[in-house]
């Protein structure tokens, strides 16, 4: 019952409240991005969501305009803007996805939205139940992630999560994500 009705209701309420609370921060960050190069502060990208349907994900732009669609691990440091480094370290660049959640394209917890180029990941998700879930702002794979984690492992974590979509499990994932986000960012 939670996965069919409760999860979506919690997503809309929590994302709506969070969006209202962080909107001043989003406006300040958007202005800083725009002032740096007079280009749109919002990054839009086609991603694969629930039932392998495409949608447009929203992020604060952390890279130079015209950067090709690649995964975060494939992005060269040269294309990340100075403000983008800060946005990525603090995960502030992900906050516009709260709009995706309110619109019903994403959930707070679920598998991260994949790029079309992540063929192996999409194939693994299709072999399990995670293909039927809305992609999430955070998820089980992100909690267990490490740099360079193979897509096969990410997909396995996504399918594991899909087998156990409960309020308690989601709350645990959110709490652990918030704990991670509250740690001071690494110094470079």
C-alpha atoms as a PDB file:
ATOM      1  CA  UNK A   1       0.000   0.000   0.000  1.00  0.00           C
ATOM      2  CA  UNK A   2       2.835   2.437   0.872  1.00  0.00           C
ATOM      3  CA  UNK A   3       4.562   1.918  -2.478  1.00  0.00           C
ATOM      4  CA  UNK A   4       1.333   2.609  -4.387  1.00  0.00           C
ATOM      5  CA  UNK A   5      -0.095   5.605  -2.507  1.00  0.00           C
ATOM      6  CA  UNK A   6       1.836   6.673   0.592  1.00  0.00           C
ATOM      7  CA  UNK A   7       5.211   7.073  -1.069  1.00  0.00           C
ATOM      8  CA  UNK A   8       3.870   9.513  -3.681  1.00  0.00           C
ATOM      9  CA  UNK A   9       1.982  11.571  -1.078  1.00  0.00           C
ATOM     10  CA  UNK A  10       5.091  11.849   1.094  1.00  0.00           C
ATOM     11  CA  UNK A  11       7.165  12.766  -1.975  1.00  0.00           C
ATOM     12  CA  UNK A  12       4.854  15.636  -2.944  1.00  0.00           C
ATOM     13  CA  UNK A  13       4.546  17.044   0.585  1.00  0.00           C
ATOM     14  CA  UNK A  14       8.218  16.689   1.524  1.00  0.00           C
ATOM     15  CA  UNK A  15       9.532  17.974  -1.821  1.00  0.00           C
ATOM     16  CA  UNK A  16       7.091  20.892  -1.779  1.00  0.00           C
ATOM     17  CA  UNK A  17       8.120  21.934   1.729  1.00  0.00           C
ATOM     18  CA  UNK A  18      11.830  21.443   0.938  1.00  0.00           C
ATOM     19  CA  UNK A  19      11.484  23.474  -2.259  1.00  0.00           C
ATOM     20  CA  UNK A  20       9.906  26.354  -0.335  1.00  0.00           C
ATOM     21  CA  UNK A  21      12.703  26.233   2.263  1.00  0.00           C
ATOM     22  CA  UNK A  22      15.611  26.079  -0.203  1.00  0.00           C
ATOM     23  CA  UNK A  23      14.240  28.486  -2.807  1.00  0.00           C
ATOM     24  CA  UNK A  24      16.305  31.444  -1.483  1.00  0.00           C
ATOM     25  CA  UNK A  25      19.454  29.316  -1.726  1.00  0.00           C
ATOM     26  CA  UNK A  26      18.504  28.229  -5.248  1.00  0.00           C
ATOM     27  CA  UNK A  27      17.995  31.857  -6.282  1.00  0.00           C
ATOM     28  CA  UNK A  28      21.395  32.940  -4.908  1.00  0.00           C
ATOM     29  CA  UNK A  29      23.195  30.015  -6.551  1.00  0.00           C
ATOM     30  CA  UNK A  30      21.363  30.633  -9.833  1.00  0.00           C
ATOM     31  CA  UNK A  31      22.462  34.275  -9.799  1.00  0.00           C
ATOM     32  CA  UNK A  32      26.092  33.290  -9.147  1.00  0.00           C
ATOM     33  CA  UNK A  33      26.054  30.798 -12.007  1.00  0.00           C
ATOM     34  CA  UNK A  34      24.476  33.321 -14.364  1.00  0.00           C
ATOM     35  CA  UNK A  35      26.921  36.072 -13.363  1.00  0.00           C
ATOM     36  CA  UNK A  36      29.882  33.791 -14.142  1.00  0.00           C
ATOM     37  CA  UNK A  37      29.074  33.436 -17.861  1.00  0.00           C
ATOM     38  CA  UNK A  38      25.638  34.955 -18.555  1.00  0.00           C
ATOM     39  CA  UNK A  39      24.225  31.522 -19.454  1.00  0.00           C
ATOM     40  CA  UNK A  40      21.257  29.638 -18.027  1.00  0.00           C
ATOM     41  CA  UNK A  41      21.867  28.425 -14.464  1.00  0.00           C
ATOM     42  CA  UNK A  42      19.604  25.427 -15.005  1.00  0.00           C
ATOM     43  CA  UNK A  43      21.004  22.291 -16.589  1.00  0.00           C
ATOM     44  CA  UNK A  44      18.440  20.114 -18.350  1.00  0.00           C
ATOM     45  CA  UNK A  45      19.203  16.610 -19.498  1.00  0.00           C
ATOM     46  CA  UNK A  46      17.182  13.686 -20.825  1.00  0.00           C
ATOM     47  CA  UNK A  47      17.206  10.775 -18.395  1.00  0.00           C
ATOM     48  CA  UNK A  48      15.540   7.389 -18.219  1.00  0.00           C
ATOM     49  CA  UNK A  49      12.867   7.092 -15.549  1.00  0.00           C
ATOM     50  CA  UNK A  50      10.045   4.820 -14.506  1.00  0.00           C
ATOM     51  CA  UNK A  51       9.181   2.094 -17.048  1.00  0.00           C
ATOM     52  CA  UNK A  52      12.166   3.334 -19.098  1.00  0.00           C
ATOM     53  CA  UNK A  53      10.284   6.491 -20.080  1.00  0.00           C
ATOM     54  CA  UNK A  54      12.387   9.569 -20.729  1.00  0.00           C
ATOM     55  CA  UNK A  55      12.040  12.812 -18.799  1.00  0.00           C
ATOM     56  CA  UNK A  56      14.032  16.005 -18.401  1.00  0.00           C
ATOM     57  CA  UNK A  57      16.018  16.166 -15.180  1.00  0.00           C
ATOM     58  CA  UNK A  58      16.758  19.578 -13.683  1.00  0.00           C
ATOM     59  CA  UNK A  59      19.986  20.550 -11.944  1.00  0.00           C
ATOM     60  CA  UNK A  60      21.921  23.679 -11.220  1.00  0.00           C
ATOM     61  CA  UNK A  61      24.563  23.904 -13.937  1.00  0.00           C
ATOM     62  CA  UNK A  62      27.996  22.991 -12.602  1.00  0.00           C
ATOM     63  CA  UNK A  63      29.733  22.555 -15.971  1.00  0.00           C
ATOM     64  CA  UNK A  64      30.544  24.769 -18.894  1.00  0.00           C
ATOM     65  CA  UNK A  65      27.792  25.133 -21.488  1.00  0.00           C
ATOM     66  CA  UNK A  66      28.108  22.543 -24.269  1.00  0.00           C
ATOM     67  CA  UNK A  67      29.626  19.741 -22.173  1.00  0.00           C
ATOM     68  CA  UNK A  68      28.618  16.359 -23.590  1.00  0.00           C
ATOM     69  CA  UNK A  69      26.239  13.995 -21.769  1.00  0.00           C
ATOM     70  CA  UNK A  70      28.485  11.761 -19.688  1.00  0.00           C
ATOM     71  CA  UNK A  71      28.262  10.251 -16.227  1.00  0.00           C
ATOM     72  CA  UNK A  72      29.698  12.186 -13.281  1.00  0.00           C
ATOM     73  CA  UNK A  73      32.694   9.884 -13.089  1.00  0.00           C
ATOM     74  CA  UNK A  74      33.565  10.664 -16.722  1.00  0.00           C
ATOM     75  CA  UNK A  75      33.493  14.456 -16.371  1.00  0.00           C
ATOM     76  CA  UNK A  76      36.904  16.037 -16.676  1.00  0.00           C
ATOM     77  CA  UNK A  77      37.765  18.613 -14.025  1.00  0.00           C
ATOM     78  CA  UNK A  78      38.403  21.112 -16.809  1.00  0.00           C
ATOM     79  CA  UNK A  79      34.714  21.452 -17.673  1.00  0.00           C
ATOM     80  CA  UNK A  80      33.504  22.011 -14.100  1.00  0.00           C
ATOM     81  CA  UNK A  81      33.125  25.686 -13.277  1.00  0.00           C
ATOM     82  CA  UNK A  82      34.540  27.137 -10.029  1.00  0.00           C
ATOM     83  CA  UNK A  83      31.028  27.609  -8.583  1.00  0.00           C
ATOM     84  CA  UNK A  84      30.215  24.137  -9.937  1.00  0.00           C
ATOM     85  CA  UNK A  85      32.888  22.540  -7.751  1.00  0.00           C
ATOM     86  CA  UNK A  86      31.196  23.971  -4.675  1.00  0.00           C
ATOM     87  CA  UNK A  87      27.723  22.997  -5.887  1.00  0.00           C
ATOM     88  CA  UNK A  88      28.835  19.414  -6.520  1.00  0.00           C
ATOM     89  CA  UNK A  89      30.742  19.051  -3.237  1.00  0.00           C
ATOM     90  CA  UNK A  90      27.690  20.190  -1.288  1.00  0.00           C
ATOM     91  CA  UNK A  91      25.144  18.488  -3.601  1.00  0.00           C
ATOM     92  CA  UNK A  92      23.299  21.795  -3.958  1.00  0.00           C
ATOM     93  CA  UNK A  93      23.300  21.204  -7.730  1.00  0.00           C
ATOM     94  CA  UNK A  94      20.768  18.403  -7.163  1.00  0.00           C
ATOM     95  CA  UNK A  95      18.127  20.574  -5.434  1.00  0.00           C
ATOM     96  CA  UNK A  96      16.155  21.510  -8.594  1.00  0.00           C
ATOM     97  CA  UNK A  97      15.219  17.821  -8.791  1.00  0.00           C
ATOM     98  CA  UNK A  98      12.696  18.623  -6.077  1.00  0.00           C
ATOM     99  CA  UNK A  99      10.667  20.068  -8.978  1.00  0.00           C
ATOM    100  CA  UNK A 100      10.993  16.714 -10.784  1.00  0.00           C
ATOM    101  CA  UNK A 101       9.646  15.037  -7.639  1.00  0.00           C
ATOM    102  CA  UNK A 102       6.639  17.371  -7.343  1.00  0.00           C
ATOM    103  CA  UNK A 103       5.873  16.817 -11.060  1.00  0.00           C
ATOM    104  CA  UNK A 104       5.864  13.034 -10.506  1.00  0.00           C
ATOM    105  CA  UNK A 105       8.921  12.238 -12.620  1.00  0.00           C
ATOM    106  CA  UNK A 106      11.069  11.323  -9.630  1.00  0.00           C
ATOM    107  CA  UNK A 107      10.796  10.226  -6.012  1.00  0.00           C
ATOM    108  CA  UNK A 108      12.818  11.135  -2.956  1.00  0.00           C
ATOM    109  CA  UNK A 109      14.134   7.563  -2.724  1.00  0.00           C
ATOM    110  CA  UNK A 110      14.697   5.259  -5.686  1.00  0.00           C
ATOM    111  CA  UNK A 111      17.318   4.330  -8.258  1.00  0.00           C
ATOM    112  CA  UNK A 112      19.189   7.345  -9.640  1.00  0.00           C
ATOM    113  CA  UNK A 113      17.949   8.399 -13.096  1.00  0.00           C
ATOM    114  CA  UNK A 114      20.130   6.833 -15.766  1.00  0.00           C
ATOM    115  CA  UNK A 115      21.547   8.273 -18.946  1.00  0.00           C
ATOM    116  CA  UNK A 116      20.641   6.558 -22.220  1.00  0.00           C
ATOM    117  CA  UNK A 117      24.318   5.634 -22.574  1.00  0.00           C
ATOM    118  CA  UNK A 118      24.190   3.529 -19.379  1.00  0.00           C
ATOM    119  CA  UNK A 119      23.015   0.492 -21.317  1.00  0.00           C
ATOM    120  CA  UNK A 120      24.301  -2.131 -18.879  1.00  0.00           C
ATOM    121  CA  UNK A 121      22.640  -0.415 -15.911  1.00  0.00           C
ATOM    122  CA  UNK A 122      19.320  -0.145 -17.750  1.00  0.00           C
ATOM    123  CA  UNK A 123      19.514  -3.816 -18.756  1.00  0.00           C
ATOM    124  CA  UNK A 124      20.122  -4.908 -15.147  1.00  0.00           C
ATOM    125  CA  UNK A 125      17.243  -2.764 -13.892  1.00  0.00           C
ATOM    126  CA  UNK A 126      14.980  -4.340 -16.528  1.00  0.00           C
ATOM    127  CA  UNK A 127      15.854  -7.781 -15.198  1.00  0.00           C
ATOM    128  CA  UNK A 128      14.386  -6.800 -11.819  1.00  0.00           C
ATOM    129  CA  UNK A 129      11.661  -4.604 -10.381  1.00  0.00           C
ATOM    130  CA  UNK A 130      13.600  -1.327 -10.194  1.00  0.00           C
ATOM    131  CA  UNK A 131      12.597  -0.545 -13.785  1.00  0.00           C
ATOM    132  CA  UNK A 132       9.059   0.065 -12.461  1.00  0.00           C
ATOM    133  CA  UNK A 133      10.125   2.654  -9.871  1.00  0.00           C
ATOM    134  CA  UNK A 134      10.381   6.409 -10.163  1.00  0.00           C
ATOM    135  CA  UNK A 135      14.041   7.390 -10.052  1.00  0.00           C
ATOM    136  CA  UNK A 136      15.163   8.933  -6.792  1.00  0.00           C
ATOM    137  CA  UNK A 137      17.069  11.886  -5.466  1.00  0.00           C
ATOM    138  CA  UNK A 138      18.865   9.348  -3.294  1.00  0.00           C
ATOM    139  CA  UNK A 139      18.832   5.578  -3.089  1.00  0.00           C
ATOM    140  CA  UNK A 140      20.364   2.404  -1.787  1.00  0.00           C
ATOM    141  CA  UNK A 141      23.059   2.348  -4.480  1.00  0.00           C
ATOM    142  CA  UNK A 142      24.137   5.898  -3.558  1.00  0.00           C
ATOM    143  CA  UNK A 143      24.568   4.908   0.088  1.00  0.00           C
ATOM    144  CA  UNK A 144      26.730   1.978  -0.901  1.00  0.00           C
ATOM    145  CA  UNK A 145      28.492   3.781  -3.751  1.00  0.00           C
ATOM    146  CA  UNK A 146      32.156   4.396  -4.181  1.00  0.00           C
ATOM    147  CA  UNK A 147      34.001   6.067  -7.010  1.00  0.00           C
ATOM    148  CA  UNK A 148      34.041   3.871 -10.061  1.00  0.00           C
ATOM    149  CA  UNK A 149      31.387   1.410  -8.830  1.00  0.00           C
ATOM    150  CA  UNK A 150      30.521  -0.827 -11.789  1.00  0.00           C
ATOM    151  CA  UNK A 151      27.062  -0.389 -13.257  1.00  0.00           C
ATOM    152  CA  UNK A 152      26.377  -4.058 -12.530  1.00  0.00           C
ATOM    153  CA  UNK A 153      26.672  -3.360  -8.787  1.00  0.00           C
ATOM    154  CA  UNK A 154      24.557  -0.203  -8.997  1.00  0.00           C
ATOM    155  CA  UNK A 155      21.863  -2.145 -10.831  1.00  0.00           C
ATOM    156  CA  UNK A 156      21.984  -4.935  -8.267  1.00  0.00           C
ATOM    157  CA  UNK A 157      21.498  -2.427  -5.425  1.00  0.00           C
ATOM    158  CA  UNK A 158      18.628  -0.806  -7.336  1.00  0.00           C
ATOM    159  CA  UNK A 159      16.885  -4.158  -7.786  1.00  0.00           C
ATOM    160  CA  UNK A 160      17.513  -5.019  -4.137  1.00  0.00           C
ATOM    161  CA  UNK A 161      15.822  -1.757  -3.119  1.00  0.00           C
ATOM    162  CA  UNK A 162      12.854  -2.496  -5.410  1.00  0.00           C
ATOM    163  CA  UNK A 163      12.208  -5.710  -3.479  1.00  0.00           C
ATOM    164  CA  UNK A 164      11.805  -3.768  -0.233  1.00  0.00           C
ATOM    165  CA  UNK A 165      10.006  -0.459  -0.799  1.00  0.00           C
ATOM    166  CA  UNK A 166       8.681   0.403   2.652  1.00  0.00           C
ATOM    167  CA  UNK A 167       8.303   3.584   4.653  1.00  0.00           C
ATOM    168  CA  UNK A 168      10.870   2.368   7.198  1.00  0.00           C
ATOM    169  CA  UNK A 169      13.422   1.495   4.517  1.00  0.00           C
ATOM    170  CA  UNK A 170      12.930   4.840   2.755  1.00  0.00           C
ATOM    171  CA  UNK A 171      13.212   6.742   6.053  1.00  0.00           C
ATOM    172  CA  UNK A 172      16.454   4.902   6.846  1.00  0.00           C
ATOM    173  CA  UNK A 173      17.909   5.766   3.417  1.00  0.00           C
ATOM    174  CA  UNK A 174      16.904   9.441   3.804  1.00  0.00           C
ATOM    175  CA  UNK A 175      18.385   9.599   7.332  1.00  0.00           C
ATOM    176  CA  UNK A 176      21.674   8.064   6.182  1.00  0.00           C
ATOM    177  CA  UNK A 177      21.782  10.414   3.190  1.00  0.00           C
ATOM    178  CA  UNK A 178      21.234  13.442   5.436  1.00  0.00           C
ATOM    179  CA  UNK A 179      23.976  12.162   7.746  1.00  0.00           C
ATOM    180  CA  UNK A 180      26.346  11.986   4.793  1.00  0.00           C
ATOM    181  CA  UNK A 181      25.358  15.470   3.591  1.00  0.00           C
ATOM    182  CA  UNK A 182      25.945  16.967   7.036  1.00  0.00           C
ATOM    183  CA  UNK A 183      29.594  15.921   6.990  1.00  0.00           C
ATOM    184  CA  UNK A 184      31.949  18.766   6.144  1.00  0.00           C
ATOM    185  CA  UNK A 185      32.869  18.737   2.430  1.00  0.00           C
ATOM    186  CA  UNK A 186      36.364  17.461   1.583  1.00  0.00           C
ATOM    187  CA  UNK A 187      39.068  20.089   1.216  1.00  0.00           C
ATOM    188  CA  UNK A 188      40.955  20.336  -2.026  1.00  0.00           C
END
